[in-house]
Amino acid sequence: MTNVSITSSGTYVLSSPLTNGTNVDFLNEGGTVGGVLILTDNAQGSAFNITTQITAGSITGYGANIGGGILNFQPGSYGIPGDQITIQAVKDLFAELFVGGTANPDYAGLVGDITEAAQSGGHIEVLPGGIVNGLTFINPFTLDAGQELVIGEVASALFGTAASADGATLDISFGERTNPNSNTPFVDAIFATNVAINPCFAAGTRILTVGGEVAVEALAVGDVLITHAGEEQPVVWIGRRTVDIVAQVRPETVRPVVIEADALGDGVPVRRLVVSPDHALLLDGVLVPAKELLNWNSIRQDNAAERVIYYHVELAKHDVIFAEGTPVETYLDTGHRGIFDNADESVIAHPAEMQQRREAEGCAPLCLGGPVLAEVRRKIAARQVGIKLAFR
C-alpha cells in the first residue's frame, strides 16, 4: 500500500516517519520532470526513526529509517534531474554520533571532511565501499568504518537494501544555505539520481572561433565563437566536470557518444565528434540529444571509456555553434550549474523550474521522439547504405 504519491514536479514534506510498511511512490509522467520529497527536522519531530547501539563508548550499531520505502525513484533526462530527496534532518541524523556528551571521533572526522568539501562549492559522491569523492575537493577522502556505517544506514533508509544511492549525488553542508525546494532556509543534504551532464564536449573537441578551430579545453572566457546563424558571440563561462564512468550506477547516462566523420552528412562531422549523451545536435530545425541517434555503427557510445573530462561552453544565450563542423547546442543553465567541478554554487533547482527554463530559453525545439526524430534517424541510416539525404 502506498502512503504518499508524488507526481511530476510535485513536492511532499515528510516531518514524521511513515507508518511501518507504507511507502513514498514517485509517479513521473514521461520521466523528464521529477518530484521532490523533503524530509524535515523541526520542533514537531524528525522524518527519521533513529536507533544507536553504543558499546564501551563507541558506536557498534546504527539505524535510520523513515518507516517505509522509496519507490520508483527515477533519473532525469537532458540535464533535467529526475526525482530528488532533500534532507533537512542531517544534523539530527548525525547527532547520535555524540557519545557521552563528547563528539565521537567518527562524528568529528565526518563533519570536518564533509563540511570542508561542501563549503568548497561542489558535490560529494558517496560511492560503493564508502568512498567519498569531493568533486571540487582537493583531497578526496574515504570514510572509516563508523562513518561508513552511518552513511550506509541513511542511504539504505532512503533507497533500500539495493543501495542504489551509492551512485547518487549526496550534497551535504552543516552550514546555512538557501533551500531551493521550500521556504525553510536550510538545506542539509540533497540526494538525487545521476544528473545528466548537459550539454558537454569531451576534451579535445575543436570548436569554431573567429580565429579558427580551437580545442574546447583551450578556450577562455571572452573568446568569440561563430554561431549557426553566422553571428559572433563571446564565451561567458566554461564548465568542466571529470566523470569516473565505472563508478556510476547507470554508466550509460554519462558514457560519451562517438559520432564518426561524415555520419550526418559530407563533412559533418569533419572529424570524429565526442559529446555527452544529452548533448543535442541541430538537425532539421530541432535539437536532438546524441543518445537518441545511436545506431552502434557510425554513432555509438564508447564502452571502453572509464573516465572522461567534459567541458561545456556557455554564451550569453542558448545558441548553436560548430564542433568538428557539426551544429551543436551551447550550454543552457536550467538550474543545474552546480554539477560542474568549477561551479561557484552547488544548489540544484527544483525539476519543474528546470523544465520551465528549458521551454522558455531554448533556442530551438527539443526533439525526444515522434515522426521528426524518426525522419532524422532514417536519414542517418540511409547514409550507411550510400543514400545521402541532407539535413536542414
Protein backbone atom coordinates (compact mmCIF):
# COMPACT_ATOMS: atom_id res chain seq x y z
CA MET A 1 0.00 0.00 0.00
CA THR A 2 1.34 3.41 -0.96
CA ASN A 3 1.11 6.06 1.70
CA VAL A 4 2.33 9.03 -0.37
CA SER A 5 2.36 9.62 -4.12
CA ILE A 6 4.45 12.42 -5.63
CA THR A 7 3.61 13.33 -9.21
CA SER A 8 5.88 15.02 -11.72
CA SER A 9 7.05 18.44 -10.42
CA GLY A 10 5.21 17.78 -7.15
CA THR A 11 6.64 18.27 -3.66
CA TYR A 12 5.80 16.46 -0.43
CA VAL A 13 7.12 17.32 3.04
CA LEU A 14 7.57 14.44 5.48
CA SER A 15 8.01 15.68 9.07
CA SER A 16 7.47 12.37 10.88
CA PRO A 17 8.15 8.76 9.90
CA LEU A 18 5.66 6.90 7.75
CA THR A 19 3.54 4.11 9.16
CA ASN A 20 5.60 0.93 9.01
CA GLY A 21 5.13 -0.84 5.70
CA THR A 22 3.94 2.13 3.70
CA ASN A 23 5.93 3.92 1.01
CA VAL A 24 6.59 7.09 -0.93
CA ASP A 25 5.94 6.46 -4.62
CA PHE A 26 7.33 8.80 -7.29
CA LEU A 27 4.99 8.94 -10.27
CA ASN A 28 6.85 10.59 -13.15
CA GLU A 29 4.75 11.18 -16.24
CA GLY A 30 7.20 10.87 -19.11
CA GLY A 31 10.17 10.63 -16.76
CA THR A 32 11.56 14.10 -17.53
CA VAL A 33 10.26 16.24 -14.66
CA GLY A 34 10.83 14.72 -11.25
CA GLY A 35 9.20 15.15 -7.90
CA VAL A 36 10.76 16.28 -4.61
CA LEU A 37 10.49 14.68 -1.19
CA ILE A 38 11.55 16.96 1.68
CA LEU A 39 12.49 15.29 4.97
CA THR A 40 12.33 17.80 7.81
CA ASP A 41 13.69 18.09 11.32
CA ASN A 42 11.75 20.58 13.42
CA ALA A 43 10.17 21.14 16.82
CA GLN A 44 7.45 18.63 15.98
CA GLY A 45 9.93 15.86 15.31
CA SER A 46 12.04 14.31 12.60
CA ALA A 47 11.20 12.37 9.45
CA PHE A 48 13.61 9.66 10.62
CA ASN A 49 13.45 6.94 13.25
CA ILE A 50 16.95 6.67 14.72
CA THR A 51 18.47 3.97 16.91
CA THR A 52 22.05 3.74 18.09
CA GLN A 53 23.89 0.93 19.84
CA ILE A 54 26.88 2.02 21.93
CA THR A 55 29.39 -0.38 23.41
CA ALA A 56 32.25 0.84 25.61
CA GLY A 57 31.77 4.39 24.39
CA SER A 58 31.87 3.51 20.69
CA ILE A 59 29.09 3.10 18.16
CA THR A 60 28.62 -0.55 17.28
CA GLY A 61 25.23 -0.28 15.61
CA TYR A 62 23.24 2.48 13.95
CA GLY A 63 19.83 2.55 12.34
CA ALA A 64 17.94 5.23 10.45
CA ASN A 65 14.66 4.78 8.62
CA ILE A 66 11.61 6.76 7.54
CA GLY A 67 9.21 3.98 8.44
CA GLY A 68 8.65 2.97 4.83
CA GLY A 69 10.39 2.79 1.50
CA ILE A 70 11.02 4.90 -1.60
CA LEU A 71 9.51 3.52 -4.81
CA ASN A 72 10.26 4.40 -8.43
CA PHE A 73 12.99 6.93 -7.71
CA GLN A 74 13.88 7.87 -11.27
CA PRO A 75 16.68 9.70 -13.06
CA GLY A 76 16.07 12.67 -15.26
CA SER A 77 16.93 13.36 -18.87
CA TYR A 78 18.67 16.03 -20.89
CA GLY A 79 20.00 17.98 -17.93
CA ILE A 80 16.69 18.00 -16.07
CA PRO A 81 17.17 15.85 -12.98
CA GLY A 82 14.56 13.34 -12.05
CA ASP A 83 13.33 12.70 -8.54
CA GLN A 84 15.05 14.39 -5.64
CA ILE A 85 15.16 13.95 -1.87
CA THR A 86 16.11 16.97 0.21
CA ILE A 87 17.13 16.16 3.78
CA GLN A 88 16.73 18.89 6.37
CA ALA A 89 17.41 16.45 9.17
CA VAL A 90 21.08 15.68 8.67
CA LYS A 91 22.15 17.23 11.97
CA ASP A 92 19.60 15.10 13.77
CA LEU A 93 20.85 12.01 11.93
CA PHE A 94 24.44 12.64 12.94
CA ALA A 95 23.66 13.86 16.45
CA GLU A 96 23.57 10.23 17.58
CA LEU A 97 27.30 10.08 16.95
CA PHE A 98 27.80 12.12 20.12
CA VAL A 99 28.74 9.63 22.79
CA GLY A 100 28.75 10.54 26.47
CA GLY A 101 28.45 14.25 25.73
CA THR A 102 31.68 14.22 23.72
CA ALA A 103 31.99 14.27 19.96
CA ASN A 104 32.87 10.76 18.89
CA PRO A 105 35.91 10.69 16.55
CA ASP A 106 33.68 9.24 13.82
CA TYR A 107 31.41 12.25 14.05
CA ALA A 108 34.20 14.81 14.29
CA GLY A 109 36.01 13.40 11.28
CA LEU A 110 32.88 13.09 9.20
CA VAL A 111 31.68 16.61 9.96
CA GLY A 112 35.09 18.08 9.28
CA ASP A 113 35.65 16.32 5.97
CA ILE A 114 32.17 16.79 4.59
CA THR A 115 31.84 20.39 5.75
CA GLU A 116 35.12 21.37 4.13
CA ALA A 117 34.16 19.66 0.89
CA ALA A 118 30.67 21.14 0.85
CA GLN A 119 31.93 24.64 1.55
CA SER A 120 34.22 24.34 -1.47
CA GLY A 121 31.08 24.71 -3.57
CA GLY A 122 30.95 21.24 -5.09
CA HIS A 123 29.14 17.99 -4.74
CA ILE A 124 30.16 14.89 -2.83
CA GLU A 125 29.53 11.46 -4.30
CA VAL A 126 29.11 8.54 -1.94
CA LEU A 127 30.46 5.62 -3.96
CA PRO A 128 30.33 1.86 -3.34
CA GLY A 129 32.52 0.87 -0.43
CA GLY A 130 32.06 4.18 1.38
CA ILE A 131 34.48 6.19 -0.73
CA VAL A 132 33.51 9.86 -0.81
CA ASN A 133 34.60 11.79 -3.87
CA GLY A 134 34.52 15.57 -3.39
CA LEU A 135 34.37 16.74 -6.97
CA THR A 136 35.90 20.13 -6.22
CA PHE A 137 37.57 18.98 -3.02
CA ILE A 138 41.35 18.89 -3.48
CA ASN A 139 41.88 15.76 -1.38
CA PRO A 140 39.11 13.15 -1.75
CA PHE A 141 38.69 11.17 1.44
CA THR A 142 37.49 7.74 2.48
CA LEU A 143 35.02 7.05 5.27
CA ASP A 144 36.20 4.94 8.16
CA ALA A 145 34.06 2.04 9.40
CA GLY A 146 31.93 4.11 11.79
CA GLN A 147 31.31 6.88 9.28
CA GLU A 148 30.50 4.39 6.55
CA LEU A 149 28.01 2.70 8.87
CA VAL A 150 26.05 5.91 9.34
CA ILE A 151 26.09 6.95 5.67
CA GLY A 152 25.16 3.41 4.67
CA GLU A 153 22.19 3.35 7.02
CA VAL A 154 20.91 6.69 5.73
CA ALA A 155 21.30 5.57 2.13
CA SER A 156 19.58 2.28 2.86
CA ALA A 157 16.77 4.09 4.65
CA LEU A 158 16.09 6.14 1.55
CA PHE A 159 16.84 3.76 -1.27
CA GLY A 160 16.52 0.28 0.14
CA THR A 161 18.92 -2.58 0.62
CA ALA A 162 19.98 -2.50 -3.03
CA ALA A 163 21.98 0.60 -2.04
CA SER A 164 21.19 2.36 -5.30
CA ALA A 165 22.23 5.56 -3.55
CA ASP A 166 25.87 4.53 -3.96
CA GLY A 167 25.94 6.31 -7.30
CA ALA A 168 23.61 9.17 -6.45
CA THR A 169 24.88 12.63 -5.67
CA LEU A 170 24.97 13.35 -1.94
CA ASP A 171 25.44 17.07 -1.23
CA ILE A 172 25.94 17.76 2.47
CA SER A 173 26.62 21.02 4.28
CA PHE A 174 26.44 21.61 8.02
CA GLY A 175 26.16 25.35 7.50
CA GLU A 176 23.25 27.54 6.47
CA ARG A 177 22.36 27.65 2.81
CA THR A 178 19.34 28.62 0.72
CA ASN A 179 16.88 25.81 0.19
CA PRO A 180 15.53 25.84 -3.39
CA ASN A 181 12.69 23.49 -2.52
CA SER A 182 10.85 25.31 0.27
CA ASN A 183 10.72 28.44 2.38
CA THR A 184 12.83 26.81 5.08
CA PRO A 185 16.28 28.46 4.85
CA PHE A 186 18.36 25.34 5.39
CA VAL A 187 19.47 22.56 3.10
CA ASP A 188 21.43 19.90 4.90
CA ALA A 189 21.61 17.39 2.07
CA ILE A 190 20.23 16.51 -1.30
CA PHE A 191 20.05 13.01 -2.73
CA ALA A 192 19.42 12.89 -6.47
CA THR A 193 19.77 10.30 -9.17
CA ASN A 194 22.57 10.60 -11.68
CA VAL A 195 22.17 14.10 -13.06
CA ALA A 196 22.51 14.23 -16.83
CA ILE A 197 25.61 16.03 -18.00
CA ASN A 198 24.13 18.54 -20.38
CA PRO A 199 25.47 19.53 -22.82
CA CYS A 200 29.19 18.75 -22.87
CA PHE A 201 32.09 18.17 -25.20
CA ALA A 202 34.82 15.66 -24.45
CA ALA A 203 38.31 17.10 -24.10
CA GLY A 204 39.98 17.58 -27.49
CA THR A 205 36.81 18.61 -29.34
CA ARG A 206 37.53 21.52 -31.69
CA ILE A 207 35.16 24.49 -31.58
CA LEU A 208 34.89 27.08 -34.38
CA THR A 209 36.02 30.56 -33.31
CA VAL A 210 36.62 33.73 -35.33
CA GLY A 211 40.29 32.74 -35.37
CA GLY A 212 39.73 29.15 -36.47
CA GLU A 213 39.11 25.89 -34.63
CA VAL A 214 40.27 25.65 -31.01
CA ALA A 215 40.22 22.63 -28.67
CA VAL A 216 37.47 23.15 -26.10
CA GLU A 217 39.85 22.85 -23.15
CA ALA A 218 41.95 25.69 -24.62
CA LEU A 219 39.01 28.10 -24.90
CA ALA A 220 38.78 31.00 -22.48
CA VAL A 221 36.04 33.35 -21.37
CA GLY A 222 35.87 36.17 -23.92
CA ASP A 223 36.87 34.05 -26.91
CA VAL A 224 34.49 34.75 -29.78
CA LEU A 225 32.64 31.88 -31.45
CA ILE A 226 30.75 31.76 -34.74
CA THR A 227 27.13 30.65 -34.32
CA HIS A 228 24.98 28.66 -36.72
CA ALA A 229 23.26 31.91 -37.72
CA GLY A 230 26.62 33.46 -38.61
CA GLU A 231 26.80 35.73 -35.58
CA GLU A 232 29.90 36.30 -33.46
CA GLN A 233 29.29 35.65 -29.76
CA PRO A 234 31.79 35.67 -26.85
CA VAL A 235 32.10 32.81 -24.38
CA VAL A 236 30.77 33.82 -20.94
CA TRP A 237 31.57 30.65 -18.98
CA ILE A 238 33.27 27.30 -19.48
CA GLY A 239 32.24 24.42 -17.25
CA ARG A 240 34.34 21.37 -16.51
CA ARG A 241 33.50 18.02 -14.97
CA THR A 242 35.62 14.90 -14.53
CA VAL A 243 33.48 11.77 -14.57
CA ASP A 244 34.51 8.36 -13.25
CA ILE A 245 32.32 6.28 -15.55
CA VAL A 246 32.89 2.90 -13.91
CA ALA A 247 31.74 4.27 -10.53
CA GLN A 248 28.30 5.22 -11.84
CA VAL A 249 25.22 3.15 -11.05
CA ARG A 250 24.00 3.82 -14.60
CA PRO A 251 27.20 4.43 -16.61
CA GLU A 252 25.28 4.76 -19.86
CA THR A 253 23.94 8.11 -18.65
CA VAL A 254 27.44 9.62 -18.75
CA ARG A 255 29.30 7.42 -21.23
CA PRO A 256 30.48 9.55 -24.18
CA VAL A 257 28.78 9.29 -27.56
CA VAL A 258 31.13 8.98 -30.54
CA ILE A 259 29.87 10.38 -33.86
CA GLU A 260 32.14 9.33 -36.70
CA ALA A 261 33.20 11.66 -39.52
CA ASP A 262 30.52 12.06 -42.22
CA ALA A 263 27.88 10.24 -40.10
CA LEU A 264 25.42 13.13 -40.55
CA GLY A 265 26.50 14.42 -43.95
CA ASP A 266 29.53 15.02 -46.13
CA GLY A 267 31.99 16.65 -43.75
CA VAL A 268 29.55 16.54 -40.82
CA PRO A 269 31.32 15.91 -38.57
CA VAL A 270 34.52 16.75 -40.36
CA ARG A 271 36.33 14.62 -37.78
CA ARG A 272 35.16 12.27 -35.04
CA LEU A 273 32.98 14.17 -32.56
CA VAL A 274 32.67 13.04 -28.93
CA VAL A 275 29.94 14.52 -26.72
CA SER A 276 27.94 13.65 -23.61
CA PRO A 277 24.77 11.57 -24.20
CA ASP A 278 22.45 14.53 -23.58
CA HIS A 279 24.27 16.99 -25.81
CA ALA A 280 21.88 18.00 -28.59
CA LEU A 281 22.65 18.49 -32.26
CA LEU A 282 20.65 20.78 -34.53
CA LEU A 283 19.10 18.56 -37.21
CA ASP A 284 16.12 19.52 -39.38
CA GLY A 285 15.43 22.55 -37.21
CA VAL A 286 15.18 20.67 -33.90
CA LEU A 287 17.62 19.80 -31.12
CA VAL A 288 18.19 16.05 -30.86
CA PRO A 289 20.24 14.60 -27.95
CA ALA A 290 23.14 12.46 -29.16
CA LYS A 291 21.83 9.44 -27.25
CA GLU A 292 18.70 9.46 -29.46
CA LEU A 293 20.88 8.97 -32.55
CA LEU A 294 22.72 5.80 -31.52
CA ASN A 295 22.93 3.19 -34.26
CA TRP A 296 26.00 1.43 -32.83
CA ASN A 297 27.75 1.84 -36.15
CA SER A 298 28.53 5.41 -37.16
CA ILE A 299 27.13 6.71 -33.86
CA ARG A 300 27.83 4.74 -30.70
CA GLN A 301 28.82 5.03 -27.07
CA ASP A 302 32.44 4.44 -26.10
CA ASN A 303 32.11 1.31 -23.98
CA ALA A 304 35.85 1.20 -23.31
CA ALA A 305 35.99 4.61 -21.65
CA GLU A 306 36.48 4.50 -17.88
CA ARG A 307 36.95 8.21 -17.23
CA VAL A 308 36.14 11.33 -19.22
CA ILE A 309 36.62 15.07 -18.81
CA TYR A 310 33.64 17.01 -20.10
CA TYR A 311 33.51 20.71 -20.92
CA HIS A 312 30.54 22.91 -21.65
CA VAL A 313 30.57 26.26 -23.43
CA GLU A 314 28.10 28.96 -22.42
CA LEU A 315 27.25 32.07 -24.43
CA ALA A 316 25.05 34.98 -23.34
CA LYS A 317 22.04 32.98 -24.52
CA HIS A 318 21.35 29.43 -25.62
CA ASP A 319 22.61 29.06 -29.18
CA VAL A 320 24.06 26.70 -31.78
CA ILE A 321 27.78 26.62 -32.55
CA PHE A 322 30.05 24.32 -34.57
CA ALA A 323 32.03 21.46 -33.04
CA GLU A 324 34.11 19.46 -35.52
CA GLY A 325 31.98 21.12 -38.21
CA THR A 326 28.71 19.94 -36.64
CA PRO A 327 25.93 22.29 -35.44
CA VAL A 328 25.52 21.63 -31.73
CA GLU A 329 23.92 23.49 -28.86
CA THR A 330 25.71 25.56 -26.25
CA TYR A 331 25.05 25.13 -22.54
CA LEU A 332 21.66 26.20 -21.22
CA ASP A 333 21.64 26.78 -17.47
CA THR A 334 18.35 25.33 -16.31
CA GLY A 335 19.47 25.44 -12.67
CA HIS A 336 21.99 22.60 -12.58
CA ARG A 337 25.26 24.51 -12.99
CA GLY A 338 26.33 23.02 -9.66
CA ILE A 339 27.05 19.62 -11.26
CA PHE A 340 30.29 21.03 -12.71
CA ASP A 341 33.57 20.89 -10.81
CA ASN A 342 34.27 24.59 -11.20
CA ALA A 343 30.78 25.89 -10.42
CA ASP A 344 30.54 28.60 -7.78
CA GLU A 345 27.45 27.06 -6.19
CA SER A 346 26.12 23.58 -5.51
CA VAL A 347 22.37 24.19 -5.28
CA ILE A 348 20.24 22.39 -7.88
CA ALA A 349 16.91 23.91 -8.86
CA HIS A 350 13.54 22.20 -8.49
CA PRO A 351 12.88 19.94 -11.53
CA ALA A 352 9.74 21.87 -12.52
CA GLU A 353 11.72 25.11 -12.62
CA MET A 354 14.30 23.45 -14.85
CA GLN A 355 11.63 22.36 -17.30
CA GLN A 356 10.22 25.90 -17.42
CA ARG A 357 13.65 27.35 -18.15
CA ARG A 358 14.25 24.82 -20.91
CA GLU A 359 10.97 25.67 -22.63
CA ALA A 360 11.36 29.44 -22.21
CA GLU A 361 15.03 29.87 -23.11
CA GLY A 362 15.84 27.05 -25.54
CA CYS A 363 16.99 28.28 -28.96
CA ALA A 364 15.11 25.53 -30.82
CA PRO A 365 12.52 22.83 -30.00
CA LEU A 366 13.81 19.77 -28.20
CA CYS A 367 13.01 16.52 -30.04
CA LEU A 368 12.84 13.31 -27.99
CA GLY A 369 10.51 11.24 -30.14
CA GLY A 370 7.75 11.21 -32.73
CA PRO A 371 7.85 11.46 -36.54
CA VAL A 372 10.51 14.18 -36.63
CA LEU A 373 13.00 12.01 -34.73
CA ALA A 374 12.05 9.02 -36.89
CA GLU A 375 12.88 11.04 -40.02
CA VAL A 376 16.22 12.14 -38.55
CA ARG A 377 17.12 8.54 -37.81
CA ARG A 378 16.04 7.47 -41.32
CA LYS A 379 18.40 9.98 -42.90
CA ILE A 380 21.30 8.78 -40.77
CA ALA A 381 20.53 5.14 -41.57
CA ALA A 382 20.35 5.93 -45.29
CA ARG A 383 23.95 7.13 -45.25
CA GLN A 384 25.03 3.66 -44.12
CA VAL A 385 23.92 2.24 -47.47
CA GLY A 386 25.17 5.13 -49.58
CA ILE A 387 21.96 7.20 -49.82
CA LYS A 388 22.85 10.80 -48.99
CA LEU A 389 19.84 12.63 -47.54
CA ALA A 390 20.58 16.14 -46.33
CA PHE A 391 19.61 17.72 -43.03
CA ARG A 392 18.21 21.21 -42.97
